């Protein structure tokens, strides 16, 4: 390994500014502040949200919508309420009779022989 290219990996106290909770962890985060924690002085890194204050971990999670995006999404992809449409009533006709009627009413088509085009080689 090359020397002097890796960041310093040391113990750091992370301070949740919202709740005031602290926890000790190893990190390469650089900070100029220090704090006393459990009888020793450590570098202090301030965070706005940690597992002690995040809504997911505290069980208070809700939808945070500052710009109306959730409502816009729900409005766009909501299933429309459709009134029940009655299906048209079809006369009951047996399939064999229906085919006979179609054959009788359709005019007979005469088959034309396929004509091949001749190429002139001039």
PDB file of N, CA and C in Angstrom:
ATOM      1  N   UNK A   1       0.843  -1.191   0.000  1.00  0.00           N
ATOM      2  CA  UNK A   1       0.000   0.000   0.000  1.00  0.00           C
ATOM      3  C   UNK A   1       0.884   1.247   0.000  1.00  0.00           C
ATOM      4  N   UNK A   2       0.420   2.251  -0.694  1.00  0.00           N
ATOM      5  CA  UNK A   2       1.145   3.514  -0.705  1.00  0.00           C
ATOM      6  C   UNK A   2       0.905   4.243   0.604  1.00  0.00           C
ATOM      7  N   UNK A   3       1.889   4.938   1.084  1.00  0.00           N
ATOM      8  CA  UNK A   3       1.770   5.676   2.336  1.00  0.00           C
ATOM      9  C   UNK A   3       1.245   7.082   2.078  1.00  0.00           C
ATOM     10  N   UNK A   4       0.572   7.615   3.073  1.00  0.00           N
ATOM     11  CA  UNK A   4       0.081   8.994   3.091  1.00  0.00           C
ATOM     12  C   UNK A   4      -0.968   9.310   2.014  1.00  0.00           C
ATOM     13  N   UNK A   5      -1.702   8.311   1.503  1.00  0.00           N
ATOM     14  CA  UNK A   5      -2.777   8.604   0.556  1.00  0.00           C
ATOM     15  C   UNK A   5      -4.143   8.255   1.130  1.00  0.00           C
ATOM     16  N   UNK A   6      -4.179   7.507   2.224  1.00  0.00           N
ATOM     17  CA  UNK A   6      -5.443   7.076   2.806  1.00  0.00           C
ATOM     18  C   UNK A   6      -5.888   8.043   3.894  1.00  0.00           C
ATOM     19  N   UNK A   7      -7.198   8.253   4.024  1.00  0.00           N
ATOM     20  CA  UNK A   7      -7.681   9.153   5.081  1.00  0.00           C
ATOM     21  C   UNK A   7      -7.484   8.514   6.456  1.00  0.00           C
ATOM     22  N   UNK A   8      -7.429   9.354   7.472  1.00  0.00           N
ATOM     23  CA  UNK A   8      -7.255   8.884   8.837  1.00  0.00           C
ATOM     24  C   UNK A   8      -8.572   8.261   9.297  1.00  0.00           C
ATOM     25  N   UNK A   9      -8.499   7.024   9.775  1.00  0.00           N
ATOM     26  CA  UNK A   9      -9.668   6.291  10.237  1.00  0.00           C
ATOM     27  C   UNK A   9      -9.584   6.234  11.754  1.00  0.00           C
ATOM     28  N   UNK A  10     -10.481   6.926  12.433  1.00  0.00           N
ATOM     29  CA  UNK A  10     -10.403   7.040  13.880  1.00  0.00           C
ATOM     30  C   UNK A  10     -11.809   7.052  14.492  1.00  0.00           C
ATOM     31  N   UNK A  11     -11.866   7.019  15.826  1.00  0.00           N
ATOM     32  CA  UNK A  11     -13.147   7.066  16.509  1.00  0.00           C
ATOM     33  C   UNK A  11     -13.686   8.485  16.513  1.00  0.00           C
ATOM     34  N   UNK A  12     -14.983   8.605  16.200  1.00  0.00           N
ATOM     35  CA  UNK A  12     -15.639   9.906  16.124  1.00  0.00           C
ATOM     36  C   UNK A  12     -16.978   9.791  16.853  1.00  0.00           C
ATOM     37  N   UNK A  13     -17.344  10.840  17.591  1.00  0.00           N
ATOM     38  CA  UNK A  13     -18.663  10.895  18.218  1.00  0.00           C
ATOM     39  C   UNK A  13     -19.585  11.637  17.274  1.00  0.00           C
ATOM     40  N   UNK A  14     -20.709  10.997  16.919  1.00  0.00           N
ATOM     41  CA  UNK A  14     -21.709  11.635  16.082  1.00  0.00           C
ATOM     42  C   UNK A  14     -22.781  12.194  17.002  1.00  0.00           C
ATOM     43  N   UNK A  15     -23.078  13.489  16.843  1.00  0.00           N
ATOM     44  CA  UNK A  15     -24.035  14.184  17.683  1.00  0.00           C
ATOM     45  C   UNK A  15     -25.258  14.542  16.851  1.00  0.00           C
ATOM     46  N   UNK A  16     -26.423  14.012  17.265  1.00  0.00           N
ATOM     47  CA  UNK A  16     -27.683  14.330  16.596  1.00  0.00           C
ATOM     48  C   UNK A  16     -28.137  15.688  17.122  1.00  0.00           C
ATOM     49  N   UNK A  17     -28.147  16.694  16.266  1.00  0.00           N
ATOM     50  CA  UNK A  17     -28.489  18.051  16.707  1.00  0.00           C
ATOM     51  C   UNK A  17     -29.968  18.192  17.032  1.00  0.00           C
ATOM     52  N   UNK A  18     -30.819  17.327  16.498  1.00  0.00           N
ATOM     53  CA  UNK A  18     -32.255  17.408  16.764  1.00  0.00           C
ATOM     54  C   UNK A  18     -32.628  16.894  18.141  1.00  0.00           C
ATOM     55  N   UNK A  19     -32.009  15.791  18.548  1.00  0.00           N
ATOM     56  CA  UNK A  19     -32.380  15.172  19.823  1.00  0.00           C
ATOM     57  C   UNK A  19     -31.300  15.286  20.883  1.00  0.00           C
ATOM     58  N   UNK A  20     -30.079  15.575  20.484  1.00  0.00           N
ATOM     59  CA  UNK A  20     -28.972  15.661  21.444  1.00  0.00           C
ATOM     60  C   UNK A  20     -28.334  14.314  21.739  1.00  0.00           C
ATOM     61  N   UNK A  21     -28.776  13.250  21.089  1.00  0.00           N
ATOM     62  CA  UNK A  21     -28.182  11.930  21.300  1.00  0.00           C
ATOM     63  C   UNK A  21     -26.799  11.861  20.681  1.00  0.00           C
ATOM     64  N   UNK A  22     -25.939  11.028  21.301  1.00  0.00           N
ATOM     65  CA  UNK A  22     -24.568  10.861  20.824  1.00  0.00           C
ATOM     66  C   UNK A  22     -24.284   9.379  20.681  1.00  0.00           C
ATOM     67  N   UNK A  23     -23.451   9.041  19.697  1.00  0.00           N
ATOM     68  CA  UNK A  23     -22.967   7.663  19.596  1.00  0.00           C
ATOM     69  C   UNK A  23     -21.563   7.668  19.028  1.00  0.00           C
ATOM     70  N   UNK A  24     -20.784   6.690  19.460  1.00  0.00           N
ATOM     71  CA  UNK A  24     -19.383   6.580  19.080  1.00  0.00           C
ATOM     72  C   UNK A  24     -19.254   5.571  17.947  1.00  0.00           C
ATOM     73  N   UNK A  25     -18.497   5.937  16.930  1.00  0.00           N
ATOM     74  CA  UNK A  25     -18.324   5.089  15.759  1.00  0.00           C
ATOM     75  C   UNK A  25     -16.966   5.398  15.154  1.00  0.00           C
ATOM     76  N   UNK A  26     -16.427   4.478  14.386  1.00  0.00           N
ATOM     77  CA  UNK A  26     -15.170   4.750  13.677  1.00  0.00           C
ATOM     78  C   UNK A  26     -15.521   5.320  12.306  1.00  0.00           C
ATOM     79  N   UNK A  27     -14.769   6.343  11.912  1.00  0.00           N
ATOM     80  CA  UNK A  27     -15.046   7.009  10.656  1.00  0.00           C
ATOM     81  C   UNK A  27     -13.818   7.752  10.171  1.00  0.00           C
ATOM     82  N   UNK A  28     -13.833   8.140   8.910  1.00  0.00           N
ATOM     83  CA  UNK A  28     -12.771   8.981   8.358  1.00  0.00           C
ATOM     84  C   UNK A  28     -13.249  10.423   8.211  1.00  0.00           C
ATOM     85  N   UNK A  29     -14.391  10.741   8.814  1.00  0.00           N
ATOM     86  CA  UNK A  29     -14.932  12.100   8.750  1.00  0.00           C
ATOM     87  C   UNK A  29     -13.990  13.058   9.478  1.00  0.00           C
ATOM     88  N   UNK A  30     -13.705  14.176   8.843  1.00  0.00           N
ATOM     89  CA  UNK A  30     -12.799  15.171   9.423  1.00  0.00           C
ATOM     90  C   UNK A  30     -13.609  16.278  10.069  1.00  0.00           C
ATOM     91  N   UNK A  31     -13.238  16.665  11.274  1.00  0.00           N
ATOM     92  CA  UNK A  31     -13.911  17.734  11.983  1.00  0.00           C
ATOM     93  C   UNK A  31     -12.922  18.428  12.893  1.00  0.00           C
ATOM     94  N   UNK A  32     -13.213  19.700  13.210  1.00  0.00           N
ATOM     95  CA  UNK A  32     -12.328  20.471  14.082  1.00  0.00           C
ATOM     96  C   UNK A  32     -12.890  20.577  15.484  1.00  0.00           C
ATOM     97  N   UNK A  33     -14.121  20.132  15.692  1.00  0.00           N
ATOM     98  CA  UNK A  33     -14.754  20.200  17.002  1.00  0.00           C
ATOM     99  C   UNK A  33     -14.461  18.929  17.789  1.00  0.00           C
ATOM    100  N   UNK A  34     -14.418  19.062  19.101  1.00  0.00           N
ATOM    101  CA  UNK A  34     -14.233  17.912  19.973  1.00  0.00           C
ATOM    102  C   UNK A  34     -15.334  17.902  21.029  1.00  0.00           C
ATOM    103  N   UNK A  35     -15.564  16.731  21.618  1.00  0.00           N
ATOM    104  CA  UNK A  35     -16.586  16.582  22.641  1.00  0.00           C
ATOM    105  C   UNK A  35     -16.130  15.494  23.613  1.00  0.00           C
ATOM    106  N   UNK A  36     -16.543  15.643  24.864  1.00  0.00           N
ATOM    107  CA  UNK A  36     -16.223  14.619  25.860  1.00  0.00           C
ATOM    108  C   UNK A  36     -17.368  13.606  25.856  1.00  0.00           C
ATOM    109  N   UNK A  37     -17.006  12.325  25.740  1.00  0.00           N
ATOM    110  CA  UNK A  37     -17.992  11.252  25.681  1.00  0.00           C
ATOM    111  C   UNK A  37     -17.450  10.055  26.446  1.00  0.00           C
ATOM    112  N   UNK A  38     -18.161   9.640  27.474  1.00  0.00           N
ATOM    113  CA  UNK A  38     -17.800   8.500  28.317  1.00  0.00           C
ATOM    114  C   UNK A  38     -16.389   8.617  28.878  1.00  0.00           C
ATOM    115  N   UNK A  39     -16.054   9.807  29.341  1.00  0.00           N
ATOM    116  CA  UNK A  39     -14.778  10.029  30.020  1.00  0.00           C
ATOM    117  C   UNK A  39     -13.583  10.278  29.116  1.00  0.00           C
ATOM    118  N   UNK A  40     -13.769  10.362  27.809  1.00  0.00           N
ATOM    119  CA  UNK A  40     -12.662  10.628  26.889  1.00  0.00           C
ATOM    120  C   UNK A  40     -13.083  11.723  25.916  1.00  0.00           C
ATOM    121  N   UNK A  41     -12.087  12.364  25.306  1.00  0.00           N
ATOM    122  CA  UNK A  41     -12.349  13.437  24.350  1.00  0.00           C
ATOM    123  C   UNK A  41     -12.180  12.875  22.943  1.00  0.00           C
ATOM    124  N   UNK A  42     -13.218  13.076  22.124  1.00  0.00           N
ATOM    125  CA  UNK A  42     -13.234  12.585  20.753  1.00  0.00           C
ATOM    126  C   UNK A  42     -13.594  13.724  19.803  1.00  0.00           C
ATOM    127  N   UNK A  43     -13.232  13.581  18.514  1.00  0.00           N
ATOM    128  CA  UNK A  43     -13.732  14.527  17.523  1.00  0.00           C
ATOM    129  C   UNK A  43     -15.250  14.391  17.430  1.00  0.00           C
ATOM    130  N   UNK A  44     -15.951  15.501  17.195  1.00  0.00           N
ATOM    131  CA  UNK A  44     -17.414  15.505  17.155  1.00  0.00           C
ATOM    132  C   UNK A  44     -17.892  15.868  15.754  1.00  0.00           C
ATOM    133  N   UNK A  45     -18.780  15.034  15.213  1.00  0.00           N
ATOM    134  CA  UNK A  45     -19.368  15.291  13.907  1.00  0.00           C
ATOM    135  C   UNK A  45     -20.862  15.456  14.112  1.00  0.00           C
ATOM    136  N   UNK A  46     -21.406  16.617  13.746  1.00  0.00           N
ATOM    137  CA  UNK A  46     -22.822  16.911  13.969  1.00  0.00           C
ATOM    138  C   UNK A  46     -23.648  16.455  12.763  1.00  0.00           C
ATOM    139  N   UNK A  47     -24.754  15.753  13.075  1.00  0.00           N
ATOM    140  CA  UNK A  47     -25.677  15.300  12.034  1.00  0.00           C
ATOM    141  C   UNK A  47     -27.067  15.803  12.381  1.00  0.00           C
ATOM    142  N   UNK A  48     -27.882  16.078  11.360  1.00  0.00           N
ATOM    143  CA  UNK A  48     -29.229  16.588  11.610  1.00  0.00           C
ATOM    144  C   UNK A  48     -30.225  15.464  11.864  1.00  0.00           C
ATOM    145  N   UNK A  49     -29.983  14.299  11.289  1.00  0.00           N
ATOM    146  CA  UNK A  49     -30.891  13.165  11.476  1.00  0.00           C
ATOM    147  C   UNK A  49     -30.061  11.910  11.731  1.00  0.00           C
ATOM    148  N   UNK A  50     -30.448  11.166  12.748  1.00  0.00           N
ATOM    149  CA  UNK A  50     -29.815   9.880  13.042  1.00  0.00           C
ATOM    150  C   UNK A  50     -30.917   8.856  13.278  1.00  0.00           C
ATOM    151  N   UNK A  51     -30.535   7.651  13.678  1.00  0.00           N
ATOM    152  CA  UNK A  51     -31.544   6.613  13.918  1.00  0.00           C
ATOM    153  C   UNK A  51     -32.425   6.956  15.117  1.00  0.00           C
ATOM    154  N   UNK A  52     -31.979   7.834  15.976  1.00  0.00           N
ATOM    155  CA  UNK A  52     -32.781   8.242  17.132  1.00  0.00           C
ATOM    156  C   UNK A  52     -33.848   9.272  16.766  1.00  0.00           C
ATOM    157  N   UNK A  53     -33.656   9.995  15.647  1.00  0.00           N
ATOM    158  CA  UNK A  53     -34.618  11.035  15.287  1.00  0.00           C
ATOM    159  C   UNK A  53     -35.299  10.816  13.941  1.00  0.00           C
ATOM    160  N   UNK A  54     -34.848   9.829  13.161  1.00  0.00           N
ATOM    161  CA  UNK A  54     -35.454   9.600  11.847  1.00  0.00           C
ATOM    162  C   UNK A  54     -36.840   8.993  12.014  1.00  0.00           C
ATOM    163  N   UNK A  55     -37.837   9.528  11.306  1.00  0.00           N
ATOM    164  CA  UNK A  55     -39.212   9.045  11.459  1.00  0.00           C
ATOM    165  C   UNK A  55     -39.388   7.553  11.180  1.00  0.00           C
ATOM    166  N   UNK A  56     -38.594   6.988  10.288  1.00  0.00           N
ATOM    167  CA  UNK A  56     -38.720   5.568   9.986  1.00  0.00           C
ATOM    168  C   UNK A  56     -38.384   4.724  11.212  1.00  0.00           C
ATOM    169  N   UNK A  57     -37.330   5.095  11.913  1.00  0.00           N
ATOM    170  CA  UNK A  57     -36.891   4.314  13.064  1.00  0.00           C
ATOM    171  C   UNK A  57     -37.689   4.623  14.325  1.00  0.00           C
ATOM    172  N   UNK A  58     -38.280   5.794  14.406  1.00  0.00           N
ATOM    173  CA  UNK A  58     -39.055   6.153  15.591  1.00  0.00           C
ATOM    174  C   UNK A  58     -40.510   5.707  15.474  1.00  0.00           C
ATOM    175  N   UNK A  59     -40.931   5.254  14.289  1.00  0.00           N
ATOM    176  CA  UNK A  59     -42.298   4.792  14.091  1.00  0.00           C
ATOM    177  C   UNK A  59     -43.270   5.915  13.790  1.00  0.00           C
ATOM    178  N   UNK A  60     -42.790   7.096  13.531  1.00  0.00           N
ATOM    179  CA  UNK A  60     -43.640   8.249  13.246  1.00  0.00           C
ATOM    180  C   UNK A  60     -43.600   8.621  11.772  1.00  0.00           C
ATOM    181  N   UNK A  61     -43.207   7.665  10.942  1.00  0.00           N
ATOM    182  CA  UNK A  61     -43.044   7.987   9.531  1.00  0.00           C
ATOM    183  C   UNK A  61     -44.378   8.283   8.879  1.00  0.00           C
ATOM    184  N   UNK A  62     -44.413   9.352   8.160  1.00  0.00           N
ATOM    185  CA  UNK A  62     -45.564   9.746   7.363  1.00  0.00           C
ATOM    186  C   UNK A  62     -45.033  10.220   6.034  1.00  0.00           C
ATOM    187  N   UNK A  63     -45.899  10.633   5.181  1.00  0.00           N
ATOM    188  CA  UNK A  63     -45.449  11.134   3.890  1.00  0.00           C
ATOM    189  C   UNK A  63     -45.141  12.614   4.047  1.00  0.00           C
ATOM    190  N   UNK A  64     -43.891  12.968   3.810  1.00  0.00           N
ATOM    191  CA  UNK A  64     -43.488  14.362   3.867  1.00  0.00           C
ATOM    192  C   UNK A  64     -43.595  14.911   2.461  1.00  0.00           C
ATOM    193  N   UNK A  65     -44.503  15.854   2.281  1.00  0.00           N
ATOM    194  CA  UNK A  65     -44.767  16.377   0.945  1.00  0.00           C
ATOM    195  C   UNK A  65     -44.735  17.893   1.011  1.00  0.00           C
ATOM    196  N   UNK A  66     -43.627  18.468   0.577  1.00  0.00           N
ATOM    197  CA  UNK A  66     -43.493  19.915   0.656  1.00  0.00           C
ATOM    198  C   UNK A  66     -43.975  20.624  -0.600  1.00  0.00           C
ATOM    199  N   UNK A  67     -43.993  19.917  -1.718  1.00  0.00           N
ATOM    200  CA  UNK A  67     -44.348  20.582  -2.976  1.00  0.00           C
ATOM    201  C   UNK A  67     -45.580  19.983  -3.640  1.00  0.00           C
ATOM    202  N   UNK A  68     -46.355  19.179  -2.927  1.00  0.00           N
ATOM    203  CA  UNK A  68     -47.572  18.615  -3.498  1.00  0.00           C
ATOM    204  C   UNK A  68     -47.324  17.483  -4.468  1.00  0.00           C
ATOM    205  N   UNK A  69     -46.156  16.865  -4.437  1.00  0.00           N
ATOM    206  CA  UNK A  69     -45.828  15.802  -5.393  1.00  0.00           C
ATOM    207  C   UNK A  69     -46.677  14.563  -5.170  1.00  0.00           C
ATOM    208  N   UNK A  70     -46.931  14.227  -3.917  1.00  0.00           N
ATOM    209  CA  UNK A  70     -47.707  13.022  -3.626  1.00  0.00           C
ATOM    210  C   UNK A  70     -49.132  13.189  -4.134  1.00  0.00           C
ATOM    211  N   UNK A  71     -49.737  14.347  -3.873  1.00  0.00           N
ATOM    212  CA  UNK A  71     -51.096  14.592  -4.362  1.00  0.00           C
ATOM    213  C   UNK A  71     -51.143  14.581  -5.882  1.00  0.00           C
ATOM    214  N   UNK A  72     -50.127  15.152  -6.509  1.00  0.00           N
ATOM    215  CA  UNK A  72     -50.061  15.187  -7.962  1.00  0.00           C
ATOM    216  C   UNK A  72     -49.970  13.759  -8.518  1.00  0.00           C
ATOM    217  N   UNK A  73     -49.152  12.920  -7.866  1.00  0.00           N
ATOM    218  CA  UNK A  73     -49.012  11.527  -8.286  1.00  0.00           C
ATOM    219  C   UNK A  73     -50.331  10.786  -8.128  1.00  0.00           C
ATOM    220  N   UNK A  74     -50.971  10.940  -6.977  1.00  0.00           N
ATOM    221  CA  UNK A  74     -52.229  10.238  -6.725  1.00  0.00           C
ATOM    222  C   UNK A  74     -53.315  10.675  -7.695  1.00  0.00           C
ATOM    223  N   UNK A  75     -53.337  11.970  -8.020  1.00  0.00           N
ATOM    224  CA  UNK A  75     -54.341  12.485  -8.943  1.00  0.00           C
ATOM    225  C   UNK A  75     -54.103  11.928 -10.351  1.00  0.00           C
ATOM    226  N   UNK A  76     -52.845  11.835 -10.750  1.00  0.00           N
ATOM    227  CA  UNK A  76     -52.519  11.378 -12.094  1.00  0.00           C
ATOM    228  C   UNK A  76     -52.812   9.889 -12.272  1.00  0.00           C
ATOM    229  N   UNK A  77     -52.486   9.077 -11.274  1.00  0.00           N
ATOM    230  CA  UNK A  77     -52.595   7.634 -11.429  1.00  0.00           C
ATOM    231  C   UNK A  77     -53.761   7.012 -10.668  1.00  0.00           C
ATOM    232  N   UNK A  78     -54.675   7.816 -10.204  1.00  0.00           N
ATOM    233  CA  UNK A  78     -55.849   7.278  -9.503  1.00  0.00           C
ATOM    234  C   UNK A  78     -56.738   6.558 -10.506  1.00  0.00           C
ATOM    235  N   UNK A  79     -57.340   5.471 -10.062  1.00  0.00           N
ATOM    236  CA  UNK A  79     -58.256   4.740 -10.938  1.00  0.00           C
ATOM    237  C   UNK A  79     -59.570   5.502 -10.991  1.00  0.00           C
ATOM    238  N   UNK A  80     -60.055   5.806 -12.181  1.00  0.00           N
ATOM    239  CA  UNK A  80     -61.322   6.530 -12.278  1.00  0.00           C
ATOM    240  C   UNK A  80     -62.485   5.636 -11.861  1.00  0.00           C
ATOM    241  N   UNK A  81     -63.475   6.249 -11.255  1.00  0.00           N
ATOM    242  CA  UNK A  81     -64.668   5.521 -10.851  1.00  0.00           C
ATOM    243  C   UNK A  81     -65.593   5.465 -12.057  1.00  0.00           C
ATOM    244  N   UNK A  82     -65.896   4.257 -12.508  1.00  0.00           N
ATOM    245  CA  UNK A  82     -66.719   4.071 -13.697  1.00  0.00           C
ATOM    246  C   UNK A  82     -68.047   3.468 -13.271  1.00  0.00           C
ATOM    247  N   UNK A  83     -69.148   4.057 -13.769  1.00  0.00           N
ATOM    248  CA  UNK A  83     -70.475   3.523 -13.469  1.00  0.00           C
ATOM    249  C   UNK A  83     -70.641   2.192 -14.194  1.00  0.00           C
ATOM    250  N   UNK A  84     -71.429   1.329 -13.627  1.00  0.00           N
ATOM    251  CA  UNK A  84     -71.656   0.018 -14.237  1.00  0.00           C
ATOM    252  C   UNK A  84     -72.336   0.198 -15.578  1.00  0.00           C
ATOM    253  N   UNK A  85     -71.792  -0.410 -16.616  1.00  0.00           N
ATOM    254  CA  UNK A  85     -72.342  -0.320 -17.957  1.00  0.00           C
ATOM    255  C   UNK A  85     -73.033  -1.643 -18.269  1.00  0.00           C
ATOM    256  N   UNK A  86     -74.270  -1.548 -18.701  1.00  0.00           N
ATOM    257  CA  UNK A  86     -74.995  -2.763 -19.043  1.00  0.00           C
ATOM    258  C   UNK A  86     -74.529  -3.253 -20.394  1.00  0.00           C
ATOM    259  N   UNK A  87     -74.323  -4.566 -20.481  1.00  0.00           N
ATOM    260  CA  UNK A  87     -73.907  -5.159 -21.747  1.00  0.00           C
ATOM    261  C   UNK A  87     -75.134  -5.308 -22.646  1.00  0.00           C
ATOM    262  N   UNK A  88     -74.978  -5.111 -23.950  1.00  0.00           N
ATOM    263  CA  UNK A  88     -76.122  -5.260 -24.846  1.00  0.00           C
ATOM    264  C   UNK A  88     -76.602  -6.705 -24.872  1.00  0.00           C
ATOM    265  N   UNK A  89     -77.894  -6.847 -24.970  1.00  0.00           N
ATOM    266  CA  UNK A  89     -78.495  -8.180 -24.999  1.00  0.00           C
ATOM    267  C   UNK A  89     -78.402  -8.710 -26.421  1.00  0.00           C
ATOM    268  N   UNK A  90     -77.845  -9.909 -26.560  1.00  0.00           N
ATOM    269  CA  UNK A  90     -77.671 -10.533 -27.870  1.00  0.00           C
ATOM    270  C   UNK A  90     -78.659 -11.691 -27.959  1.00  0.00           C
ATOM    271  N   UNK A  91     -79.339 -11.785 -29.108  1.00  0.00           N
ATOM    272  CA  UNK A  91     -80.271 -12.899 -29.305  1.00  0.00           C
ATOM    273  C   UNK A  91     -79.493 -14.201 -29.277  1.00  0.00           C
ATOM    274  N   UNK A  92     -80.048 -15.150 -28.617  1.00  0.00           N
ATOM    275  CA  UNK A  92     -79.394 -16.452 -28.525  1.00  0.00           C
ATOM    276  C   UNK A  92     -79.533 -17.171 -29.850  1.00  0.00           C
ATOM    277  N   UNK A  93     -78.440 -17.356 -30.564  1.00  0.00           N
ATOM    278  CA  UNK A  93     -78.433 -18.056 -31.838  1.00  0.00           C
ATOM    279  C   UNK A  93     -77.410 -19.163 -31.719  1.00  0.00           C
ATOM    280  N   UNK A  94     -77.788 -20.314 -32.157  1.00  0.00           N
ATOM    281  CA  UNK A  94     -76.853 -21.421 -32.089  1.00  0.00           C
ATOM    282  C   UNK A  94     -75.735 -21.185 -33.091  1.00  0.00           C
ATOM    283  N   UNK A  95     -74.532 -21.609 -32.775  1.00  0.00           N
ATOM    284  CA  UNK A  95     -73.385 -21.352 -33.653  1.00  0.00           C
ATOM    285  C   UNK A  95     -73.549 -21.907 -35.058  1.00  0.00           C
ATOM    286  N   UNK A  96     -74.139 -23.093 -35.221  1.00  0.00           N
ATOM    287  CA  UNK A  96     -74.295 -23.684 -36.552  1.00  0.00           C
ATOM    288  C   UNK A  96     -75.238 -22.852 -37.416  1.00  0.00           C
ATOM    289  N   UNK A  97     -76.312 -22.374 -36.827  1.00  0.00           N
ATOM    290  CA  UNK A  97     -77.270 -21.566 -37.575  1.00  0.00           C
ATOM    291  C   UNK A  97     -76.641 -20.229 -37.976  1.00  0.00           C
ATOM    292  N   UNK A  98     -75.815 -19.672 -37.087  1.00  0.00           N
ATOM    293  CA  UNK A  98     -75.165 -18.392 -37.364  1.00  0.00           C
ATOM    294  C   UNK A  98     -74.230 -18.523 -38.562  1.00  0.00           C
ATOM    295  N   UNK A  99     -73.482 -19.633 -38.665  1.00  0.00           N
ATOM    296  CA  UNK A  99     -72.567 -19.847 -39.789  1.00  0.00           C
ATOM    297  C   UNK A  99     -73.335 -20.003 -41.096  1.00  0.00           C
ATOM    298  N   UNK A 100     -74.464 -20.727 -41.032  1.00  0.00           N
ATOM    299  CA  UNK A 100     -75.273 -20.917 -42.242  1.00  0.00           C
ATOM    300  C   UNK A 100     -75.793 -19.588 -42.758  1.00  0.00           C
ATOM    301  N   UNK A 101     -76.229 -18.716 -41.842  1.00  0.00           N
ATOM    302  CA  UNK A 101     -76.754 -17.413 -42.252  1.00  0.00           C
ATOM    303  C   UNK A 101     -75.674 -16.575 -42.915  1.00  0.00           C
ATOM    304  N   UNK A 102     -74.465 -16.627 -42.402  1.00  0.00           N
ATOM    305  CA  UNK A 102     -73.370 -15.843 -42.984  1.00  0.00           C
ATOM    306  C   UNK A 102     -73.036 -16.339 -44.385  1.00  0.00           C
ATOM    307  N   UNK A 103     -73.021 -17.663 -44.567  1.00  0.00           N
ATOM    308  CA  UNK A 103     -72.703 -18.225 -45.879  1.00  0.00           C
ATOM    309  C   UNK A 103     -73.774 -17.863 -46.903  1.00  0.00           C
ATOM    310  N   UNK A 104     -75.022 -17.903 -46.492  1.00  0.00           N
ATOM    311  CA  UNK A 104     -76.123 -17.595 -47.403  1.00  0.00           C
ATOM    312  C   UNK A 104     -76.117 -16.128 -47.804  1.00  0.00           C
ATOM    313  N   UNK A 105     -75.809 -15.251 -46.868  1.00  0.00           N
ATOM    314  CA  UNK A 105     -75.875 -13.825 -47.163  1.00  0.00           C
ATOM    315  C   UNK A 105     -74.638 -13.309 -47.883  1.00  0.00           C
ATOM    316  N   UNK A 106     -73.518 -13.989 -47.769  1.00  0.00           N
ATOM    317  CA  UNK A 106     -72.290 -13.522 -48.410  1.00  0.00           C
ATOM    318  C   UNK A 106     -72.274 -13.948 -49.867  1.00  0.00           C
ATOM    319  N   UNK A 107     -71.917 -13.027 -50.789  1.00  0.00           N
ATOM    320  CA  UNK A 107     -71.842 -13.402 -52.206  1.00  0.00           C
ATOM    321  C   UNK A 107     -70.641 -14.311 -52.448  1.00  0.00           C
ATOM    322  N   UNK A 108     -70.793 -15.190 -53.398  1.00  0.00           N
ATOM    323  CA  UNK A 108     -69.714 -16.124 -53.720  1.00  0.00           C
ATOM    324  C   UNK A 108     -68.618 -15.384 -54.474  1.00  0.00           C
ATOM    325  N   UNK A 109     -67.398 -15.596 -54.048  1.00  0.00           N
ATOM    326  CA  UNK A 109     -66.266 -14.951 -54.713  1.00  0.00           C
ATOM    327  C   UNK A 109     -65.615 -15.937 -55.665  1.00  0.00           C
ATOM    328  N   UNK A 110     -65.324 -15.461 -56.831  1.00  0.00           N
ATOM    329  CA  UNK A 110     -64.666 -16.310 -57.812  1.00  0.00           C
ATOM    330  C   UNK A 110     -63.166 -16.167 -57.641  1.00  0.00           C
ATOM    331  N   UNK A 111     -62.488 -17.296 -57.672  1.00  0.00           N
ATOM    332  CA  UNK A 111     -61.037 -17.264 -57.540  1.00  0.00           C
ATOM    333  C   UNK A 111     -60.424 -16.935 -58.883  1.00  0.00           C
ATOM    334  N   UNK A 112     -59.480 -16.014 -58.854  1.00  0.00           N
ATOM    335  CA  UNK A 112     -58.778 -15.646 -60.068  1.00  0.00           C
ATOM    336  C   UNK A 112     -57.434 -16.358 -60.075  1.00  0.00           C
ATOM    337  N   UNK A 113     -57.012 -16.840 -61.227  1.00  0.00           N
ATOM    338  CA  UNK A 113     -55.698 -17.497 -61.293  1.00  0.00           C
ATOM    339  C   UNK A 113     -54.595 -16.459 -61.119  1.00  0.00           C
ATOM    340  N   UNK A 114     -53.534 -16.884 -60.473  1.00  0.00           N
ATOM    341  CA  UNK A 114     -52.409 -15.982 -60.243  1.00  0.00           C
ATOM    342  C   UNK A 114     -51.681 -15.758 -61.551  1.00  0.00           C
ATOM    343  N   UNK A 115     -51.391 -14.513 -61.868  1.00  0.00           N
ATOM    344  CA  UNK A 115     -50.710 -14.147 -63.111  1.00  0.00           C
ATOM    345  C   UNK A 115     -49.306 -13.711 -62.765  1.00  0.00           C
ATOM    346  N   UNK A 116     -48.335 -14.342 -63.405  1.00  0.00           N
ATOM    347  CA  UNK A 116     -46.947 -13.978 -63.160  1.00  0.00           C
ATOM    348  C   UNK A 116     -46.535 -12.927 -64.189  1.00  0.00           C
ATOM    349  N   UNK A 117     -45.833 -11.953 -63.719  1.00  0.00           N
ATOM    350  CA  UNK A 117     -45.357 -10.908 -64.623  1.00  0.00           C
ATOM    351  C   UNK A 117     -44.098 -11.421 -65.332  1.00  0.00           C
ATOM    352  N   UNK A 118     -44.031 -11.190 -66.633  1.00  0.00           N
ATOM    353  CA  UNK A 118     -42.868 -11.636 -67.381  1.00  0.00           C
ATOM    354  C   UNK A 118     -41.870 -10.500 -67.477  1.00  0.00           C
ATOM    355  N   UNK A 119     -40.630 -10.865 -67.302  1.00  0.00           N
ATOM    356  CA  UNK A 119     -39.561  -9.868 -67.400  1.00  0.00           C
ATOM    357  C   UNK A 119     -39.047  -9.877 -68.822  1.00  0.00           C
ATOM    358  N   UNK A 120     -38.885  -8.701 -69.339  1.00  0.00           N
ATOM    359  CA  UNK A 120     -38.332  -8.626 -70.685  1.00  0.00           C
ATOM    360  C   UNK A 120     -36.837  -8.455 -70.584  1.00  0.00           C
ATOM    361  N   UNK A 121     -36.124  -9.242 -71.322  1.00  0.00           N
ATOM    362  CA  UNK A 121     -34.663  -9.172 -71.264  1.00  0.00           C
ATOM    363  C   UNK A 121     -34.162  -8.617 -72.595  1.00  0.00           C
ATOM    364  N   UNK A 122     -34.174  -7.330 -72.740  1.00  0.00           N
ATOM    365  CA  UNK A 122     -33.753  -6.686 -73.983  1.00  0.00           C
ATOM    366  C   UNK A 122     -32.510  -5.914 -73.764  1.00  0.00           C
TER     367      UNK A 122
END
